[in-house]
Amino acid sequence: MKALSNEGAFNLFLFLFFMVIKNFLKKNNLELVEQIAKGWTSFVYLVKDSKGNFFIAKSLREKANRRDMVERESENLALANSIGVGPKLIETDFENNVVLLEFIEGRIFMEWLFFTPKKNELEKFLKELFDQAKKLDKKGLDHGQLAGKGKNIIVRKGKPVIIDFEKASAKRKAGNVNQLKSFLFVNPHSAIPKKVKEILGPDFDKFLS
C-alpha cells in the first residue's frame, strides 16, 4: 500500500479534525458560522445555537495530551470565572476535545487603542484591566500571555475581557500586574506605551505606581 505524502497526510488530518468539530456541533445542536482562528494547538470556531446566540468552540489540535490540554484550559477558565474574569465557560467536551465558551464581541485592545479613545475612557479601561489582573494574581493564576500586541485582551463596550487561558497556570508565580505594566507603560520596542502616554498625558505616571 502506497504511503501518504506529507500533503496527503495533512489533508487527512484536517478532514478527521473537521469531523470531530462536526460531531460536537451535532451533539449540541449548534451550527458552524466560520473558522475565526488557527493556532499551533487549536482551531477556533464561531458557532451559534437555534436561537441565534453566538459562542466560541475551541477544538484542540495537538496530537499528544489533548485531553490534558482541554482539562487544563477548562480548569484555568473556571478558576478565572470564579473571580469574574474571562469569557464564561459553557461546556467542556472531553470526548471531542472541545471547549465551548461565551463569544466576546469587541475589538482587540491594540486596534481599539489606536482608534484613540478619550482620556477618561482609557483611564476607566485601565483601572478595570488592572483590577482583573490583581484578582488573578491574588487567586494565583498566571495568564502568561498578556503582552505582545494585546491580542488576548478584548474591548467590549469600553471594558476589558481577558481571553485565552490555554497556557495559563496556577503552578507558577502569578505576575499579571507586572506583565501588564511592562506591556502598557515600559516596553521600549512597542508603540503601545507611547500611545497610552499620548492619551493620558500627565496622568500617565500614576499608573506606574
Foldseek 3Di string as FASTA:
>chain_A
DDDDDPVRVVVVLVVVLVVLVVVVCVVVQKAWDAFDDDDPFWTWTWIAHPVGFIKIKIATRDPPPLLVLLVQQVVLQVLLVVVPAAWDFDDGDSVSSITITHDADAAQPLVVLVVPDAQVLVVVQVVQQLVSLVVCQVSQKAQPPCADSRRQWGQHPSHTHGYDSSPIDSPDHHDSNVRVCCRQANPPVDCRNVSNCVRNPPCSVVSVD
